[in-house]
Amino acid sequence: QRSRLNRCWNAAMNNECRMIYLVRHGHTIWNEERRYQGVTDQELSSRGRAQVKKLTERFRDVAVDHVFSSPSTRAVDTVRVMAKEKCLTLHIEENLREMDFGAWEGIREEDIIGTCGGRQYYPDFLNEPKRWKAPGEQFLEAQSRIVNCVEHILEEYPQGDLVIASHLNVLKLLFMKWFDMENLDVIPRLMMDNTAVNAVQTEGKLKRLITWNDTAHLNM
């Protein structure tokens, strides 16, 4: 343990060790109604705004050098005040957006079974996504997009700690790529609540998962 910490300390002194905080956006009405949101823009609900206030308080004393967000209002509003309080530019990255679910967007999960051709395959899509296709963007397409986007951010901003606000499915796909989870059927098993903080420590090319689905701030 000591040798690992010493390596990270030495890396930090050389600007190689950093923290990446990947945050899911706050709660929306469509989250409550279990509707597919995808690229459809949704504002935070009153519950979501309360979550964001607690998230902002949690990061008040955390060192952050750069803040990035998906262009979706629900993501931007999750980190907007945080960035303002820290006197940081809020960078909007188009490729941090959620998956595009096409005809399913705005429809409740239980209703898709009887619409959009979903009756034939939707129940299995939830449990075995690698075998089935949803309308719109596919999982591997979205994974390539989000991985390329975040890796580009890390290359463009090689120093300092980052907060990145994004969405449920693309964040899951990013972590699956980073931590060698190739089976898409893992997707339904990964839980990530609204405003969850998922922290990754990097040391050069090495990435360490520090926290997953951390919502301790919601209990403060």
C-alpha atoms as a PDB file:
ATOM      1  CA  GLN A   1       0.000   0.000   0.000  1.00  0.00           C
ATOM      2  CA  ARG A   2       2.772   2.444   0.973  1.00  0.00           C
ATOM      3  CA  SER A   3       4.758   1.798  -2.206  1.00  0.00           C
ATOM      4  CA  ARG A   4       1.660   2.357  -4.337  1.00  0.00           C
ATOM      5  CA  LEU A   5       0.920   5.645  -2.575  1.00  0.00           C
ATOM      6  CA  ASN A   6       4.545   6.693  -2.962  1.00  0.00           C
ATOM      7  CA  ARG A   7       4.396   5.971  -6.692  1.00  0.00           C
ATOM      8  CA  CYS A   8       1.248   8.056  -7.013  1.00  0.00           C
ATOM      9  CA  TRP A   9       2.775  10.873  -4.943  1.00  0.00           C
ATOM     10  CA  ASN A  10       5.838  10.903  -7.187  1.00  0.00           C
ATOM     11  CA  ALA A  11       3.569  10.842 -10.245  1.00  0.00           C
ATOM     12  CA  ALA A  12       1.552  13.740  -8.832  1.00  0.00           C
ATOM     13  CA  MET A  13       4.742  15.749  -8.371  1.00  0.00           C
ATOM     14  CA  ASN A  14       5.387  15.178 -12.068  1.00  0.00           C
ATOM     15  CA  ASN A  15       1.779  16.124 -12.985  1.00  0.00           C
ATOM     16  CA  GLU A  16       1.025  12.521 -13.983  1.00  0.00           C
ATOM     17  CA  CYS A  17      -1.427  11.538 -11.223  1.00  0.00           C
ATOM     18  CA  ARG A  18      -4.871  13.110 -11.372  1.00  0.00           C
ATOM     19  CA  MET A  19      -8.518  12.559 -10.463  1.00  0.00           C
ATOM     20  CA  ILE A  20     -11.396  12.320 -12.906  1.00  0.00           C
ATOM     21  CA  TYR A  21     -14.858  12.687 -11.378  1.00  0.00           C
ATOM     22  CA  LEU A  22     -17.513  11.385 -13.762  1.00  0.00           C
ATOM     23  CA  VAL A  23     -20.955  12.515 -12.625  1.00  0.00           C
ATOM     24  CA  ARG A  24     -24.378  11.474 -13.800  1.00  0.00           C
ATOM     25  CA  HIS A  25     -26.849  14.344 -14.208  1.00  0.00           C
ATOM     26  CA  GLY A  26     -29.514  15.140 -11.622  1.00  0.00           C
ATOM     27  CA  HIS A  27     -33.032  13.728 -11.496  1.00  0.00           C
ATOM     28  CA  THR A  28     -35.639  14.676 -14.132  1.00  0.00           C
ATOM     29  CA  ILE A  29     -39.377  14.102 -14.441  1.00  0.00           C
ATOM     30  CA  TRP A  30     -38.704  11.552 -17.174  1.00  0.00           C
ATOM     31  CA  ASN A  31     -36.443   9.647 -14.780  1.00  0.00           C
ATOM     32  CA  GLU A  32     -39.379   9.523 -12.396  1.00  0.00           C
ATOM     33  CA  GLU A  33     -41.718   8.323 -15.159  1.00  0.00           C
ATOM     34  CA  ARG A  34     -39.114   5.855 -16.495  1.00  0.00           C
ATOM     35  CA  ARG A  35     -39.189   7.360 -19.971  1.00  0.00           C
ATOM     36  CA  TYR A  36     -36.283   7.043 -22.359  1.00  0.00           C
ATOM     37  CA  GLN A  37     -34.596  10.458 -22.530  1.00  0.00           C
ATOM     38  CA  GLY A  38     -31.652   9.936 -24.853  1.00  0.00           C
ATOM     39  CA  VAL A  39     -30.844  13.150 -26.730  1.00  0.00           C
ATOM     40  CA  THR A  40     -34.224  14.720 -25.908  1.00  0.00           C
ATOM     41  CA  ASP A  41     -33.513  17.769 -23.754  1.00  0.00           C
ATOM     42  CA  GLN A  42     -34.974  17.688 -20.262  1.00  0.00           C
ATOM     43  CA  GLU A  43     -34.627  20.072 -17.358  1.00  0.00           C
ATOM     44  CA  LEU A  44     -33.886  19.000 -13.821  1.00  0.00           C
ATOM     45  CA  SER A  45     -36.864  18.327 -11.582  1.00  0.00           C
ATOM     46  CA  SER A  46     -37.183  19.962  -8.158  1.00  0.00           C
ATOM     47  CA  ARG A  47     -35.681  16.768  -6.746  1.00  0.00           C
ATOM     48  CA  GLY A  48     -32.827  17.038  -9.243  1.00  0.00           C
ATOM     49  CA  ARG A  49     -32.121  20.644  -8.272  1.00  0.00           C
ATOM     50  CA  ALA A  50     -31.956  19.610  -4.608  1.00  0.00           C
ATOM     51  CA  GLN A  51     -29.529  16.818  -5.540  1.00  0.00           C
ATOM     52  CA  VAL A  52     -27.344  19.265  -7.460  1.00  0.00           C
ATOM     53  CA  LYS A  53     -27.218  21.654  -4.512  1.00  0.00           C
ATOM     54  CA  LYS A  54     -25.852  18.855  -2.338  1.00  0.00           C
ATOM     55  CA  LEU A  55     -23.428  17.761  -5.060  1.00  0.00           C
ATOM     56  CA  THR A  56     -22.112  21.331  -5.336  1.00  0.00           C
ATOM     57  CA  GLU A  57     -21.647  21.490  -1.577  1.00  0.00           C
ATOM     58  CA  ARG A  58     -19.754  18.215  -1.663  1.00  0.00           C
ATOM     59  CA  PHE A  59     -17.260  19.577  -4.205  1.00  0.00           C
ATOM     60  CA  ARG A  60     -16.854  22.962  -2.527  1.00  0.00           C
ATOM     61  CA  ASP A  61     -13.557  21.928  -0.887  1.00  0.00           C
ATOM     62  CA  VAL A  62     -12.450  19.476  -3.594  1.00  0.00           C
ATOM     63  CA  ALA A  63      -9.679  20.586  -5.922  1.00  0.00           C
ATOM     64  CA  VAL A  64     -11.028  20.802  -9.480  1.00  0.00           C
ATOM     65  CA  ASP A  65      -9.201  22.384 -12.401  1.00  0.00           C
ATOM     66  CA  HIS A  66     -11.538  21.728 -15.338  1.00  0.00           C
ATOM     67  CA  VAL A  67     -15.292  21.124 -15.694  1.00  0.00           C
ATOM     68  CA  PHE A  68     -16.930  19.529 -18.738  1.00  0.00           C
ATOM     69  CA  SER A  69     -20.530  18.694 -19.582  1.00  0.00           C
ATOM     70  CA  SER A  70     -22.776  17.153 -22.144  1.00  0.00           C
ATOM     71  CA  PRO A  71     -24.806  19.827 -23.969  1.00  0.00           C
ATOM     72  CA  SER A  72     -28.036  18.513 -22.437  1.00  0.00           C
ATOM     73  CA  THR A  73     -29.664  20.972 -20.037  1.00  0.00           C
ATOM     74  CA  ARG A  74     -29.939  18.322 -17.320  1.00  0.00           C
ATOM     75  CA  ALA A  75     -26.162  17.767 -17.413  1.00  0.00           C
ATOM     76  CA  VAL A  76     -25.157  21.424 -17.806  1.00  0.00           C
ATOM     77  CA  ASP A  77     -27.299  22.445 -14.828  1.00  0.00           C
ATOM     78  CA  THR A  78     -25.746  19.667 -12.735  1.00  0.00           C
ATOM     79  CA  VAL A  79     -22.298  21.311 -12.771  1.00  0.00           C
ATOM     80  CA  ARG A  80     -22.985  24.919 -13.801  1.00  0.00           C
ATOM     81  CA  VAL A  81     -22.972  26.378 -10.274  1.00  0.00           C
ATOM     82  CA  MET A  82     -19.997  24.245  -9.294  1.00  0.00           C
ATOM     83  CA  ALA A  83     -17.965  25.655 -12.179  1.00  0.00           C
ATOM     84  CA  LYS A  84     -19.094  29.212 -11.405  1.00  0.00           C
ATOM     85  CA  GLU A  85     -18.167  28.948  -7.721  1.00  0.00           C
ATOM     86  CA  LYS A  86     -14.710  27.684  -8.668  1.00  0.00           C
ATOM     87  CA  CYS A  87     -14.298  30.418 -11.306  1.00  0.00           C
ATOM     88  CA  LEU A  88     -13.840  27.771 -13.993  1.00  0.00           C
ATOM     89  CA  THR A  89     -15.033  27.710 -17.584  1.00  0.00           C
ATOM     90  CA  LEU A  90     -17.774  25.147 -18.175  1.00  0.00           C
ATOM     91  CA  HIS A  91     -16.705  23.337 -21.336  1.00  0.00           C
ATOM     92  CA  ILE A  92     -19.562  21.852 -23.395  1.00  0.00           C
ATOM     93  CA  GLU A  93     -18.641  18.710 -25.321  1.00  0.00           C
ATOM     94  CA  GLU A  94     -21.186  17.430 -27.858  1.00  0.00           C
ATOM     95  CA  ASN A  95     -19.888  13.871 -27.696  1.00  0.00           C
ATOM     96  CA  LEU A  96     -20.638  13.606 -23.969  1.00  0.00           C
ATOM     97  CA  ARG A  97     -24.342  13.410 -24.885  1.00  0.00           C
ATOM     98  CA  GLU A  98     -26.514  10.399 -24.057  1.00  0.00           C
ATOM     99  CA  MET A  99     -27.273   7.639 -26.557  1.00  0.00           C
ATOM    100  CA  ASP A 100     -29.854   8.492 -29.197  1.00  0.00           C
ATOM    101  CA  PHE A 101     -32.767   6.095 -28.672  1.00  0.00           C
ATOM    102  CA  GLY A 102     -34.689   7.246 -31.742  1.00  0.00           C
ATOM    103  CA  ALA A 103     -38.373   6.329 -31.697  1.00  0.00           C
ATOM    104  CA  TRP A 104     -38.182   5.144 -28.088  1.00  0.00           C
ATOM    105  CA  GLU A 105     -37.470   8.610 -26.677  1.00  0.00           C
ATOM    106  CA  GLY A 106     -40.257   9.980 -24.537  1.00  0.00           C
ATOM    107  CA  ILE A 107     -41.867   6.554 -24.188  1.00  0.00           C
ATOM    108  CA  ARG A 108     -42.113   4.701 -20.895  1.00  0.00           C
ATOM    109  CA  GLU A 109     -40.242   1.410 -20.678  1.00  0.00           C
ATOM    110  CA  GLU A 110     -43.403  -0.582 -20.054  1.00  0.00           C
ATOM    111  CA  ASP A 111     -45.142   1.018 -23.049  1.00  0.00           C
ATOM    112  CA  ILE A 112     -42.346   0.212 -25.506  1.00  0.00           C
ATOM    113  CA  ILE A 113     -43.323  -3.446 -25.335  1.00  0.00           C
ATOM    114  CA  GLY A 114     -46.511  -2.586 -27.232  1.00  0.00           C
ATOM    115  CA  THR A 115     -45.131   0.111 -29.555  1.00  0.00           C
ATOM    116  CA  CYS A 116     -42.254   0.780 -31.937  1.00  0.00           C
ATOM    117  CA  GLY A 117     -41.944  -2.922 -32.716  1.00  0.00           C
ATOM    118  CA  GLY A 118     -40.789  -3.487 -29.163  1.00  0.00           C
ATOM    119  CA  ARG A 119     -43.127  -6.328 -28.286  1.00  0.00           C
ATOM    120  CA  GLN A 120     -40.912  -8.840 -30.042  1.00  0.00           C
ATOM    121  CA  TYR A 121     -37.631  -8.013 -28.350  1.00  0.00           C
ATOM    122  CA  TYR A 122     -37.751  -5.317 -25.686  1.00  0.00           C
ATOM    123  CA  PRO A 123     -37.859  -7.571 -22.568  1.00  0.00           C
ATOM    124  CA  ASP A 124     -34.742  -9.372 -23.795  1.00  0.00           C
ATOM    125  CA  PHE A 125     -33.095  -6.072 -24.760  1.00  0.00           C
ATOM    126  CA  LEU A 126     -33.070  -5.070 -21.099  1.00  0.00           C
ATOM    127  CA  ASN A 127     -31.435  -8.300 -19.953  1.00  0.00           C
ATOM    128  CA  GLU A 128     -29.309  -9.250 -22.952  1.00  0.00           C
ATOM    129  CA  PRO A 129     -28.484  -6.009 -24.815  1.00  0.00           C
ATOM    130  CA  LYS A 130     -25.719  -7.581 -26.878  1.00  0.00           C
ATOM    131  CA  ARG A 131     -28.302  -9.742 -28.690  1.00  0.00           C
ATOM    132  CA  TRP A 132     -30.754  -6.990 -29.579  1.00  0.00           C
ATOM    133  CA  LYS A 133     -30.834  -3.579 -31.195  1.00  0.00           C
ATOM    134  CA  ALA A 134     -32.741  -0.505 -30.130  1.00  0.00           C
ATOM    135  CA  PRO A 135     -33.698   2.157 -32.685  1.00  0.00           C
ATOM    136  CA  GLY A 136     -31.149   4.938 -33.060  1.00  0.00           C
ATOM    137  CA  GLU A 137     -27.546   4.719 -31.867  1.00  0.00           C
ATOM    138  CA  GLN A 138     -26.146   1.312 -30.971  1.00  0.00           C
ATOM    139  CA  PHE A 139     -24.132   0.521 -27.839  1.00  0.00           C
ATOM    140  CA  LEU A 140     -20.783   0.014 -29.560  1.00  0.00           C
ATOM    141  CA  GLU A 141     -21.243   3.208 -31.575  1.00  0.00           C
ATOM    142  CA  ALA A 142     -21.955   5.160 -28.398  1.00  0.00           C
ATOM    143  CA  GLN A 143     -19.033   3.526 -26.605  1.00  0.00           C
ATOM    144  CA  SER A 144     -16.588   4.517 -29.331  1.00  0.00           C
ATOM    145  CA  ARG A 145     -17.917   8.091 -29.236  1.00  0.00           C
ATOM    146  CA  ILE A 146     -17.686   8.572 -25.464  1.00  0.00           C
ATOM    147  CA  VAL A 147     -14.286   6.884 -25.111  1.00  0.00           C
ATOM    148  CA  ASN A 148     -12.782   8.967 -27.913  1.00  0.00           C
ATOM    149  CA  CYS A 149     -14.290  12.130 -26.440  1.00  0.00           C
ATOM    150  CA  VAL A 150     -12.990  11.620 -22.900  1.00  0.00           C
ATOM    151  CA  GLU A 151      -9.559  10.448 -24.050  1.00  0.00           C
ATOM    152  CA  HIS A 152      -9.342  13.564 -26.223  1.00  0.00           C
ATOM    153  CA  ILE A 153     -10.219  15.731 -23.209  1.00  0.00           C
ATOM    154  CA  LEU A 154      -7.470  14.067 -21.168  1.00  0.00           C
ATOM    155  CA  GLU A 155      -4.945  14.659 -23.938  1.00  0.00           C
ATOM    156  CA  GLU A 156      -6.011  18.263 -24.505  1.00  0.00           C
ATOM    157  CA  TYR A 157      -5.937  18.998 -20.754  1.00  0.00           C
ATOM    158  CA  PRO A 158      -3.020  16.850 -19.543  1.00  0.00           C
ATOM    159  CA  GLN A 159      -2.801  18.414 -16.067  1.00  0.00           C
ATOM    160  CA  GLY A 160      -5.258  18.972 -13.244  1.00  0.00           C
ATOM    161  CA  ASP A 161      -8.331  17.233 -11.864  1.00  0.00           C
ATOM    162  CA  LEU A 162     -11.565  17.136 -13.862  1.00  0.00           C
ATOM    163  CA  VAL A 163     -15.312  16.907 -13.340  1.00  0.00           C
ATOM    164  CA  ILE A 164     -17.269  15.526 -16.300  1.00  0.00           C
ATOM    165  CA  ALA A 165     -21.085  15.571 -16.256  1.00  0.00           C
ATOM    166  CA  SER A 166     -22.771  13.112 -18.580  1.00  0.00           C
ATOM    167  CA  HIS A 167     -25.389  10.363 -18.760  1.00  0.00           C
ATOM    168  CA  LEU A 168     -26.198   6.886 -17.524  1.00  0.00           C
ATOM    169  CA  ASN A 169     -25.576   4.708 -20.549  1.00  0.00           C
ATOM    170  CA  VAL A 170     -22.536   6.436 -22.019  1.00  0.00           C
ATOM    171  CA  LEU A 171     -20.838   6.580 -18.606  1.00  0.00           C
ATOM    172  CA  LYS A 172     -21.432   2.863 -18.145  1.00  0.00           C
ATOM    173  CA  LEU A 173     -19.971   2.203 -21.596  1.00  0.00           C
ATOM    174  CA  LEU A 174     -16.917   4.348 -20.817  1.00  0.00           C
ATOM    175  CA  PHE A 175     -16.185   2.433 -17.614  1.00  0.00           C
ATOM    176  CA  MET A 176     -16.731  -0.887 -19.361  1.00  0.00           C
ATOM    177  CA  LYS A 177     -14.097   0.034 -21.938  1.00  0.00           C
ATOM    178  CA  TRP A 178     -11.640   1.394 -19.396  1.00  0.00           C
ATOM    179  CA  PHE A 179     -11.921  -1.618 -17.118  1.00  0.00           C
ATOM    180  CA  ASP A 180     -12.084  -4.357 -19.755  1.00  0.00           C
ATOM    181  CA  MET A 181     -15.734  -5.381 -19.470  1.00  0.00           C
ATOM    182  CA  GLU A 182     -16.416  -6.501 -23.022  1.00  0.00           C
ATOM    183  CA  ASN A 183     -19.732  -8.272 -22.462  1.00  0.00           C
ATOM    184  CA  LEU A 184     -22.576  -5.819 -23.143  1.00  0.00           C
ATOM    185  CA  ASP A 185     -24.834  -7.879 -20.910  1.00  0.00           C
ATOM    186  CA  VAL A 186     -23.014  -6.233 -17.991  1.00  0.00           C
ATOM    187  CA  ILE A 187     -24.898  -2.985 -18.730  1.00  0.00           C
ATOM    188  CA  PRO A 188     -28.110  -3.808 -16.779  1.00  0.00           C
ATOM    189  CA  ARG A 189     -26.026  -4.916 -13.772  1.00  0.00           C
ATOM    190  CA  LEU A 190     -24.277  -1.571 -13.333  1.00  0.00           C
ATOM    191  CA  MET A 191     -26.242   0.795 -11.128  1.00  0.00           C
ATOM    192  CA  MET A 192     -25.686   4.555 -11.300  1.00  0.00           C
ATOM    193  CA  ASP A 193     -28.017   6.924  -9.508  1.00  0.00           C
ATOM    194  CA  ASN A 194     -28.644  10.581 -10.325  1.00  0.00           C
ATOM    195  CA  THR A 195     -25.672  12.822  -9.355  1.00  0.00           C
ATOM    196  CA  ALA A 196     -23.595   9.728  -8.529  1.00  0.00           C
ATOM    197  CA  VAL A 197     -19.866  10.464  -8.374  1.00  0.00           C
ATOM    198  CA  ASN A 198     -17.669   7.876 -10.081  1.00  0.00           C
ATOM    199  CA  ALA A 199     -14.027   8.675  -9.360  1.00  0.00           C
ATOM    200  CA  VAL A 200     -11.068   7.434 -11.349  1.00  0.00           C
ATOM    201  CA  GLN A 201      -7.440   8.070 -10.481  1.00  0.00           C
ATOM    202  CA  THR A 202      -5.008   8.115 -13.374  1.00  0.00           C
ATOM    203  CA  GLU A 203      -1.263   7.596 -13.275  1.00  0.00           C
ATOM    204  CA  GLY A 204       0.072   7.934 -16.782  1.00  0.00           C
ATOM    205  CA  LYS A 205      -1.978   5.463 -18.851  1.00  0.00           C
ATOM    206  CA  LEU A 206      -3.070   3.498 -15.758  1.00  0.00           C
ATOM    207  CA  LYS A 207      -6.598   4.074 -14.464  1.00  0.00           C
ATOM    208  CA  ARG A 208      -7.803   3.047 -11.003  1.00  0.00           C
ATOM    209  CA  LEU A 209     -11.474   2.963 -10.006  1.00  0.00           C
ATOM    210  CA  ILE A 210     -11.759   4.767  -6.656  1.00  0.00           C
ATOM    211  CA  THR A 211     -15.528   5.119  -6.203  1.00  0.00           C
ATOM    212  CA  TRP A 212     -18.575   3.879  -8.095  1.00  0.00           C
ATOM    213  CA  ASN A 213     -22.130   5.200  -7.743  1.00  0.00           C
ATOM    214  CA  ASP A 214     -21.134   7.305  -4.749  1.00  0.00           C
ATOM    215  CA  THR A 215     -24.118   9.338  -3.571  1.00  0.00           C
ATOM    216  CA  ALA A 216     -22.946  10.040  -0.024  1.00  0.00           C
ATOM    217  CA  HIS A 217     -23.681  13.757  -0.549  1.00  0.00           C
ATOM    218  CA  LEU A 218     -27.413  13.029  -0.816  1.00  0.00           C
ATOM    219  CA  ASN A 219     -27.376  11.923   2.835  1.00  0.00           C
ATOM    220  CA  MET A 220     -25.627  15.065   4.076  1.00  0.00           C
END
